[in-house]
Protein backbone atom coordinates (compact mmCIF):
# COMPACT_ATOMS: atom_id res chain seq x y z
CA ARG A 1 0.18 20.06 3.70
CA GLN A 2 -3.16 19.63 0.60
CA GLU A 3 -1.56 17.64 -1.99
CA SER A 4 -1.45 18.88 -5.80
CA VAL A 5 -1.98 17.43 -8.94
CA ALA A 6 0.95 17.57 -10.44
CA TYR A 7 3.77 15.39 -9.92
CA GLY A 8 7.07 16.03 -10.64
CA MET A 9 10.39 15.24 -10.30
CA ARG A 10 9.88 12.98 -7.37
CA SER A 11 7.05 10.48 -7.93
CA LEU A 12 9.81 8.50 -9.81
CA ARG A 13 11.47 6.53 -6.78
CA CYS A 14 10.50 2.64 -6.95
CA ARG A 15 7.50 2.57 -6.65
CA ILE A 16 8.12 4.39 -3.03
CA ALA A 17 6.79 8.22 -3.78
CA LEU A 18 4.84 6.77 -7.18
CA LEU A 19 2.16 9.63 -7.89
CA SER A 20 2.67 11.39 -5.31
CA PRO A 21 5.54 14.13 -3.84
CA CYS A 22 6.42 14.52 -1.43
CA ALA A 23 2.13 -7.24 7.08
CA LEU A 24 -1.47 -5.82 5.73
CA PHE A 25 -4.80 -5.34 7.23
CA PHE A 26 -6.47 -4.23 4.43
CA GLY A 27 -4.40 -6.78 2.47
CA SER A 28 -5.51 -10.06 4.48
CA LEU A 29 -8.96 -8.49 4.60
CA TYR A 30 -9.00 -8.67 0.81
CA VAL A 31 -7.82 -11.82 0.92
CA GLU A 32 -10.34 -13.05 2.89
CA LEU A 33 -13.17 -11.33 0.48
CA ILE A 34 -12.07 -13.16 -3.42
CA HIS A 35 -11.73 -16.40 -1.31
CA ALA A 36 -14.59 -16.28 0.19
CA ALA A 37 -16.69 -15.26 -3.85
CA ASN A 38 -14.90 -17.07 -5.63
CA GLY A 39 -13.02 -20.06 -3.76
CA GLU A 40 -10.38 -21.98 -4.93
CA SER A 41 -10.90 -22.01 -8.11
CA SER A 42 -9.37 -17.64 -8.49
CA ASN A 43 -6.19 -19.63 -6.76
CA LYS A 44 -5.55 -22.70 -9.36
CA LYS A 45 -5.91 -20.03 -11.82
CA SER A 46 -3.35 -17.54 -10.13
CA ASP A 47 -0.69 -19.83 -10.01
CA GLU A 48 -1.11 -21.40 -14.11
CA GLY A 49 -0.75 -17.39 -14.55
CA PHE A 50 2.38 -17.09 -12.39
CA ALA A 51 3.87 -19.99 -14.38
CA ARG A 52 2.65 -18.70 -17.86
CA LEU A 53 4.03 -15.05 -17.35
CA VAL A 54 7.53 -16.88 -15.63
CA ASN A 55 7.67 -18.76 -18.85
CA TRP A 56 6.94 -15.98 -21.07
CA VAL A 57 10.12 -13.27 -19.18
CA ARG A 58 12.24 -16.20 -19.25
CA GLN A 59 11.03 -17.16 -23.28
CA HIS A 60 12.21 -13.38 -23.66
CA GLY A 61 15.58 -12.96 -22.17
CA GLY A 62 14.62 -12.77 -18.76
CA ARG A 63 15.65 -14.85 -15.61
CA VAL A 64 13.27 -15.98 -12.67
CA ASP A 65 14.32 -17.35 -10.32
CA PRO A 66 12.93 -20.65 -9.37
CA ARG A 67 13.04 -20.97 -5.64
CA ILE A 68 10.04 -17.75 -5.49
CA ASN A 69 6.03 -18.31 -6.90
CA ILE A 70 3.22 -17.00 -5.84
CA GLY A 71 1.75 -17.61 -2.79
CA ILE A 72 -0.38 -16.49 0.53
CA GLY A 73 2.41 -15.08 3.18
CA ASN A 74 0.14 -13.73 6.81
CA GLY A 75 -3.32 -14.09 5.25
CA VAL A 76 -0.99 -11.92 1.79
CA ARG A 77 -1.00 -12.54 -2.05
CA GLY A 78 2.48 -12.01 -2.54
CA ILE A 79 5.37 -13.55 -3.83
CA VAL A 80 7.10 -16.31 -1.08
CA THR A 81 10.41 -17.82 -1.57
CA THR A 82 10.13 -22.26 -1.81
CA ALA A 83 14.34 -22.97 -0.11
CA ASP A 84 15.89 -21.03 1.74
CA ILE A 85 17.65 -17.95 -0.29
CA GLU A 86 21.51 -16.56 0.29
CA ASP A 87 20.77 -12.35 0.67
CA GLY A 88 22.55 -10.56 -2.07
CA ALA A 89 21.21 -13.45 -4.42
CA GLN A 90 19.48 -12.18 -7.91
CA LEU A 91 16.21 -13.09 -7.95
CA LEU A 92 14.85 -11.27 -11.16
CA HIS A 93 16.30 -10.12 -13.97
CA CYS A 94 14.55 -8.08 -16.85
CA PRO A 95 15.28 -6.85 -19.85
CA TRP A 96 14.57 -3.58 -20.89
CA ASP A 97 12.07 -5.16 -23.83
CA LEU A 98 9.21 -6.26 -21.08
CA ILE A 99 8.91 -3.42 -18.79
CA LEU A 100 6.40 -1.01 -19.79
CA GLY A 101 7.87 2.55 -19.21
CA SER A 102 11.64 3.00 -19.65
CA THR A 103 12.98 1.32 -23.04
CA ASP A 104 16.81 1.35 -21.05
CA ARG A 105 18.92 3.05 -18.82
CA ASN A 106 20.05 5.84 -21.09
CA ASN A 107 15.83 5.87 -21.90
CA GLN A 108 14.06 6.62 -18.51
CA MET A 109 10.51 7.50 -17.57
CA LYS A 110 11.51 10.72 -16.47
CA ASP A 111 8.59 12.52 -16.93
CA GLU A 112 4.54 12.90 -16.49
CA ALA A 113 4.55 12.55 -20.81
CA GLY A 114 6.51 9.13 -19.95
CA MET A 115 4.17 8.27 -17.61
CA CYS A 116 0.75 8.81 -19.08
CA LYS A 117 2.17 7.23 -22.25
CA VAL A 118 2.72 3.62 -20.04
CA VAL A 119 -0.80 4.28 -18.83
CA GLN A 120 -2.04 4.58 -22.34
CA ASP A 121 -0.37 1.72 -23.77
CA MET A 122 -1.64 -0.17 -21.23
CA ALA A 123 -5.25 0.29 -22.07
CA ILE A 124 -4.15 -0.13 -25.54
CA GLU A 125 -2.58 -3.00 -25.02
CA THR A 126 -5.81 -4.50 -22.57
CA ARG A 127 -8.31 -3.66 -24.85
CA LEU A 128 -6.11 -6.00 -27.73
CA GLY A 129 -6.58 -9.28 -25.24
CA ALA A 130 -5.47 -12.79 -25.88
CA GLY A 131 -3.30 -10.56 -29.25
CA SER A 132 -1.54 -8.60 -27.56
CA PHE A 133 2.41 -9.11 -26.81
CA TRP A 134 2.10 -8.43 -23.39
CA TYR A 135 -0.93 -10.56 -22.47
CA PRO A 136 0.55 -12.59 -20.35
CA TYR A 137 1.38 -9.92 -17.86
CA LEU A 138 -1.92 -7.91 -17.79
CA ASP A 139 -3.96 -11.22 -18.27
CA HIS A 140 -1.84 -11.12 -14.44
CA ILE A 141 -1.72 -8.14 -13.12
CA GLU A 142 -4.84 -8.19 -9.46
CA LEU A 143 -6.50 -4.66 -9.28
CA PRO A 144 -7.07 -3.44 -5.25
CA ARG A 145 -10.19 -1.66 -5.28
CA LEU A 146 -8.53 1.79 -5.00
CA PRO A 147 -11.03 4.69 -3.09
CA ALA A 148 -11.73 6.15 -7.04
CA MET A 149 -13.17 2.97 -7.92
CA TRP A 150 -16.59 3.76 -5.45
CA HIS A 151 -19.46 4.57 -5.36
CA GLN A 152 -20.17 7.59 -3.26
CA SER A 153 -21.73 5.96 -0.36
CA ALA A 154 -18.25 3.88 0.18
CA VAL A 155 -17.09 6.97 0.55
CA ASP A 156 -19.10 8.80 3.00
CA GLU A 157 -18.45 5.67 5.07
CA LEU A 158 -14.91 7.93 5.65
CA GLN A 159 -16.62 10.16 7.45
CA ASN A 160 -14.65 13.20 6.15
CA ILE A 161 -11.30 11.30 7.66
CA PRO A 162 -7.76 11.57 4.94
CA PRO A 163 -7.87 10.53 2.25
CA SER A 164 -12.40 10.58 1.54
CA GLN A 165 -11.77 14.58 -0.20
CA ASP A 166 -8.83 13.43 -2.13
CA ILE A 167 -9.31 10.69 -3.14
CA THR A 168 -10.13 11.19 -7.28
CA ARG A 169 -7.27 12.80 -7.15
CA HIS A 170 -5.23 10.62 -10.31
CA ILE A 171 -8.33 10.45 -12.28
CA ARG A 172 -7.83 13.86 -12.26
CA TRP A 173 -3.91 13.97 -13.22
CA PHE A 174 -5.02 11.32 -16.45
CA GLN A 175 -8.38 13.65 -17.45
CA GLN A 176 -6.41 17.02 -17.38
CA THR A 177 -2.32 16.05 -17.45
CA CYS A 178 -3.09 12.70 -20.03
CA GLN A 179 -6.26 14.24 -21.31
CA GLY A 180 -7.45 10.85 -21.20
CA THR A 181 -10.53 9.15 -21.36
CA LEU A 182 -11.65 6.76 -18.67
CA ASP A 183 -13.37 3.97 -20.52
CA ASP A 184 -12.44 0.06 -18.20
CA ALA A 185 -10.04 -0.54 -19.97
CA ALA A 186 -7.89 3.07 -19.34
CA MET A 187 -9.37 2.92 -15.42
CA LYS A 188 -7.42 -0.50 -15.79
CA SER A 189 -4.77 1.05 -17.04
CA LEU A 190 -4.53 3.76 -14.33
CA VAL A 191 -5.39 1.78 -10.58
CA ALA A 192 -2.39 -0.68 -12.66
CA PHE A 193 0.18 2.16 -12.64
CA ILE A 194 -0.57 4.04 -9.50
CA SER A 195 -1.06 0.54 -7.07
CA ARG A 196 2.14 -0.96 -8.91
CA ALA A 197 4.63 0.95 -11.48
CA ASN A 198 8.32 1.65 -9.86
CA GLU A 199 10.68 4.15 -11.18
CA VAL A 200 11.22 2.66 -14.54
CA GLY A 201 7.42 1.77 -15.32
CA MET A 202 5.90 -1.80 -14.72
CA THR A 203 7.77 -4.62 -14.54
CA PRO A 204 6.82 -8.10 -14.09
CA ILE A 205 6.83 -10.34 -11.34
CA TYR A 206 8.99 -7.48 -9.62
CA ASP A 207 5.59 -5.54 -9.81
CA LEU A 208 3.98 -8.99 -7.10
CA LEU A 209 6.50 -8.24 -3.93
CA ASN A 210 3.57 -6.20 -1.62
CA HIS A 211 5.72 -3.03 0.63
CA HIS A 212 6.49 -3.52 4.39
CA ASN A 213 9.13 -0.69 6.12
CA GLY A 214 9.53 -3.20 8.94
CA LYS A 215 9.93 -6.27 7.14
CA ARG A 216 11.78 -5.12 3.43
CA ASN A 217 14.11 -7.29 2.10
CA ALA A 218 14.65 -7.14 -1.31
CA LYS A 219 15.18 -3.79 -4.53
CA LEU A 220 15.20 -2.96 -7.17
CA SER A 221 18.68 -2.30 -9.11
CA ILE A 222 18.96 -0.71 -12.54
CA VAL A 223 21.43 -1.99 -15.05
CA GLU A 224 22.64 -1.80 -18.56
CA ASP A 225 20.52 -4.15 -19.89
CA GLY A 226 17.34 -3.91 -17.64
CA VAL A 227 16.63 -4.18 -14.17
CA LYS A 228 17.11 -6.84 -11.48
CA LEU A 229 15.63 -7.68 -7.83
CA LEU A 230 18.00 -8.83 -5.19
CA VAL A 231 17.94 -10.19 -1.61
CA VAL A 232 18.85 -7.86 0.89
CA GLY A 233 19.05 -7.48 4.61
CA GLY A 234 20.37 -11.14 5.50
CA PRO A 235 19.18 -14.40 4.04
CA ILE A 236 15.93 -15.21 3.46
CA SER A 237 14.36 -18.56 4.78
CA LYS A 238 12.00 -21.19 3.42
CA GLY A 239 8.06 -19.62 2.91
CA ASP A 240 8.96 -16.59 3.40
CA GLN A 241 7.16 -13.51 1.90
CA LEU A 242 9.24 -11.13 -0.27
CA TYR A 243 8.69 -7.08 0.81
CA LEU A 244 10.22 -4.59 -0.30
CA SER A 245 9.51 -0.59 0.22
CA TYR A 246 7.94 2.26 -0.69
CA GLY A 247 9.06 4.31 1.59
CA ILE A 248 7.08 6.11 4.66
CA LYS A 249 3.96 7.47 3.06
CA THR A 250 0.91 8.44 5.53
CA SER A 251 -1.46 6.18 5.53
CA SER A 252 -3.94 7.71 3.76
CA THR A 253 -1.61 8.02 0.77
CA MET A 254 -1.03 4.21 1.28
CA TYR A 255 -4.83 3.73 1.24
CA ARG A 256 -5.08 6.17 -1.94
CA ASP A 257 -3.11 4.73 -3.67
CA TYR A 258 -2.38 1.12 -3.01
CA GLY A 259 -6.13 0.12 -1.36
CA PHE A 260 -4.02 -0.85 1.88
CA VAL A 261 -2.44 -0.12 4.90
CA GLU A 262 0.88 -1.74 6.62
CA ASP A 263 -0.05 -3.24 10.26
CA TRP A 264 3.86 -0.97 11.26
CA PRO A 265 4.52 1.15 10.58
CA SER A 266 2.00 3.17 9.94
CA ALA A 267 1.84 6.53 9.80
CA TRP A 268 -1.38 8.92 10.69
CA ASN A 269 -2.23 12.47 9.82
CA TYR A 270 -5.03 14.48 10.68
CA GLN A 271 -6.55 18.35 10.56
CA SER A 272 -7.82 19.29 14.42
CA LYS A 273 -10.48 21.83 14.65
CA ALA A 274 -8.60 24.44 15.03
CA GLY A 275 -6.46 23.88 11.93
CA ASP A 276 -3.63 22.64 13.22
CA ASN A 277 -2.34 19.15 11.58
CA PHE A 278 -0.54 16.04 13.91
CA ALA A 279 1.21 13.17 12.80
CA PHE A 280 2.00 10.16 14.65
CA VAL A 281 3.48 7.04 13.55
CA SER A 282 1.57 3.64 14.94
CA PHE A 283 3.66 0.41 16.31
CA PRO A 284 1.99 -3.08 17.83
CA ASP A 285 1.58 -3.12 21.37
CA GLY A 286 -0.07 0.23 22.09
CA ILE A 287 2.95 2.04 20.89
CA ALA A 288 3.56 5.29 19.74
CA ALA A 289 5.39 8.37 18.13
CA ILE A 290 3.80 11.31 18.08
CA ASN A 291 5.74 14.54 16.03
CA PRO A 292 7.12 12.44 14.70
CA THR A 293 10.21 14.64 12.60
CA ASN A 294 12.29 13.59 9.90
CA GLU A 295 15.71 11.79 11.16
CA PHE A 296 12.90 9.48 12.99
CA LEU A 297 11.11 8.54 9.85
CA LYS A 298 14.39 8.01 8.00
CA SER A 299 15.44 5.83 10.65
CA ILE A 300 12.88 4.28 10.64
CA TRP A 301 12.47 3.45 6.21
CA HIS A 302 16.43 2.77 6.13
CA SER A 303 16.44 0.44 8.88
CA ASN A 304 16.42 -3.91 9.24
CA MET A 305 15.32 -3.96 12.88
CA SER A 306 13.43 -6.64 14.46
CA LEU A 307 9.53 -4.94 16.19
CA VAL A 308 11.58 -4.60 19.49
CA GLU A 309 13.98 -2.28 18.44
CA TYR A 310 11.29 -0.26 16.81
CA GLN A 311 9.73 0.04 19.41
CA LEU A 312 12.45 1.14 21.51
CA LEU A 313 13.49 3.55 18.89
CA ALA A 314 9.95 5.52 19.21
CA GLN A 315 9.40 5.18 22.92
CA THR A 316 13.10 7.29 22.69
CA HIS A 317 11.36 9.27 20.87
CA MET A 318 8.48 10.13 23.52
CA ARG A 319 10.61 10.83 25.91
CA SER A 320 12.51 13.20 23.92
CA LEU A 321 8.94 15.25 23.47
CA THR A 322 8.00 18.00 26.54
CA ARG A 323 4.82 17.69 28.18
CA ALA A 324 3.70 20.62 26.20
CA ASP A 325 4.14 18.73 23.27
CA LEU A 326 2.63 15.36 24.08
CA GLU A 327 -0.58 17.64 26.11
CA ARG A 328 -1.41 19.27 23.35
CA PHE A 329 -1.28 15.96 21.17
CA ILE A 330 -3.78 14.08 23.83
CA VAL A 331 -6.56 17.45 23.81
CA SER A 332 -6.44 17.37 20.16
CA ALA A 333 -6.58 13.76 20.26
CA ARG A 334 -9.60 13.49 22.06
CA ASP A 335 -11.44 16.13 20.62
CA HIS A 336 -10.89 14.91 17.41
CA LEU A 337 -12.63 11.28 18.55
CA ASP A 338 -14.98 12.82 20.19
CA GLY A 339 -15.64 15.15 17.46
CA LEU A 340 -16.39 11.76 14.93
CA PRO A 341 -20.10 10.52 13.84
CA THR A 342 -19.33 7.24 15.49
CA THR A 343 -16.95 5.37 18.24
CA LEU A 344 -14.79 3.06 17.99
CA LYS A 345 -16.79 0.21 19.15
CA GLU A 346 -19.44 0.96 16.87
CA ASP A 347 -17.28 0.03 13.72
CA ASP A 348 -16.09 -2.04 15.11
CA ALA A 349 -19.78 -3.71 16.20
CA LYS A 350 -21.02 -2.18 13.33
CA LEU A 351 -18.14 -3.72 10.86
CA GLU A 352 -18.75 -7.85 12.05
CA GLU A 353 -22.49 -7.65 11.48
CA LYS A 354 -20.84 -6.96 7.32
CA ARG A 355 -19.11 -9.94 7.57
CA VAL A 356 -22.01 -12.14 9.22
CA ALA A 357 -23.47 -10.84 6.07
CA MET A 358 -20.29 -11.46 3.54
CA THR A 359 -20.56 -14.75 4.27
CA ASP A 360 -24.20 -15.63 4.53
CA GLN A 361 -23.69 -16.43 -0.09
CA SER A 362 -27.78 -14.29 0.40
CA LEU A 363 -26.07 -10.69 -1.35
CA ALA A 364 -26.73 -11.96 -3.97
CA LYS A 365 -30.49 -12.68 -3.64
CA ARG A 366 -31.16 -9.48 -1.67
CA GLY A 367 -29.74 -7.69 -5.16
CA ILE A 368 -26.36 -6.84 -3.32
CA ASP A 369 -23.93 -4.94 -5.91
CA ARG A 370 -21.04 -7.32 -3.98
CA SER A 371 -18.11 -5.04 -5.42
CA LYS A 372 -19.89 -1.97 -3.65
CA PHE A 373 -20.39 -4.27 0.05
CA GLU A 374 -17.01 -4.93 -0.05
CA ASP A 375 -15.69 -1.33 -0.47
CA VAL A 376 -18.65 -0.45 2.25
CA MET A 377 -16.12 -2.89 5.04
CA SER A 378 -13.19 -1.46 3.48
CA ALA A 379 -13.34 2.19 4.30
CA ILE A 380 -15.10 0.92 8.01
CA LYS A 381 -12.34 -0.63 8.32
CA TYR A 382 -9.76 1.91 7.77
CA ARG A 383 -12.17 4.20 9.68
CA ALA A 384 -12.04 2.13 13.09
CA GLU A 385 -7.97 1.67 12.19
CA PHE A 386 -7.33 5.50 12.36
CA LYS A 387 -9.36 5.49 15.25
CA ARG A 388 -8.35 3.08 16.83
CA ALA A 389 -4.55 4.73 16.19
CA LEU A 390 -4.94 7.13 17.51
CA ASN A 391 -7.16 6.45 20.60
CA ASN A 392 -3.78 4.38 21.52
CA ALA A 393 -1.33 7.12 20.26
CA MET A 394 -2.94 10.09 23.04
CA LEU A 395 -3.01 6.69 25.48
CA HIS A 396 1.17 6.27 24.65
CA ALA A 397 1.36 10.37 25.87
CA ASP A 398 -0.58 10.03 28.39
CA THR A 399 1.22 7.38 29.92
CA MET A 400 4.53 9.71 29.66
CA VAL A 401 2.98 12.72 30.92
CA LYS A 402 2.32 10.22 33.64
CA THR A 403 5.40 8.99 34.28
CA MET A 404 6.64 12.39 34.32
CA ASP A 405 5.00 12.71 37.16
CA GLU A 406 6.37 10.15 38.92
CA GLU A 407 10.10 11.19 37.97
CA GLU A 408 8.72 15.09 39.22
CA LEU A 409 7.95 13.75 42.87
């Protein structure tokens, strides 16, 4: 279904459906590229910035658990624990005065006008630089390279795979609904809002948590004097990363709005040449759930299960499908893969070439813009992961058909 430019009330859900009506491989790639470009100095700056941010929150009435810090977990920058933390622990309390958006429990960021105001207010504060009250917060924000920021050469590398047709959706919204002009400060603020805002607005420290539906262990709670971040689903061990959930979104939406696709569970969709829409959810080890029902999606979102339990759930769903369902998907997937300009093998080879070029430190000497180069790499990796996921789902469906044949003998 084509998403409209209007957002509506359903979008204000704790980064779960932000600007959308209805262990992260790109995160690790992004960190790898940033480290290659900037070295350890960027880590030191980020650590100092986080300490300054924590002090700023505490100085203005907030509370931050000393057992959390910024760090790298599974190759991805996020919030990690420095000690064991018990279930139900309050990790953060952020008063309304430190939130860009809602001003109290009864005055929430409820509509498009409220969202526009947040983006525009952030842009004003960004232009003030160190003179802004919000500087310790805004200066610490690291933005993803969303497809909306890409040069056309990178967009073309998506090979018309979603979200290639809809990458400027948020820019159109800002220009049409907010009547905004996109200078550097406004673009930075818009991207920050798209990728970091939650149902109450922009919340310092909370917005540093990464997303993972399969490993969610923290949630936001609105209280009378602000918001708090709580541990959920059991105790957290020292060194583990904190995760929240943006909800079950398609990988194309995740990539467009956040710049990554989670490793599992990842929900994919595509349209066949005949115009039929297909969807499937991928798990490790070639496990997939094609034609997922709403009940199935809700079960993997609201559950705190092990990977094996998720995979068993997917297998149970696959056994509920008819032979016709499976065969229809197999034919469509094969046709779709055959119709794309390059194969998965070719994409992997091209990506490796780009990796080698990235590490030889000669991009500048050859006059190559690093950001554009990284965007092209990201696009190639995304299209390769789509093809890999679709091929695995096709093979899984084919295995199920063969199992049916054996059972009938």
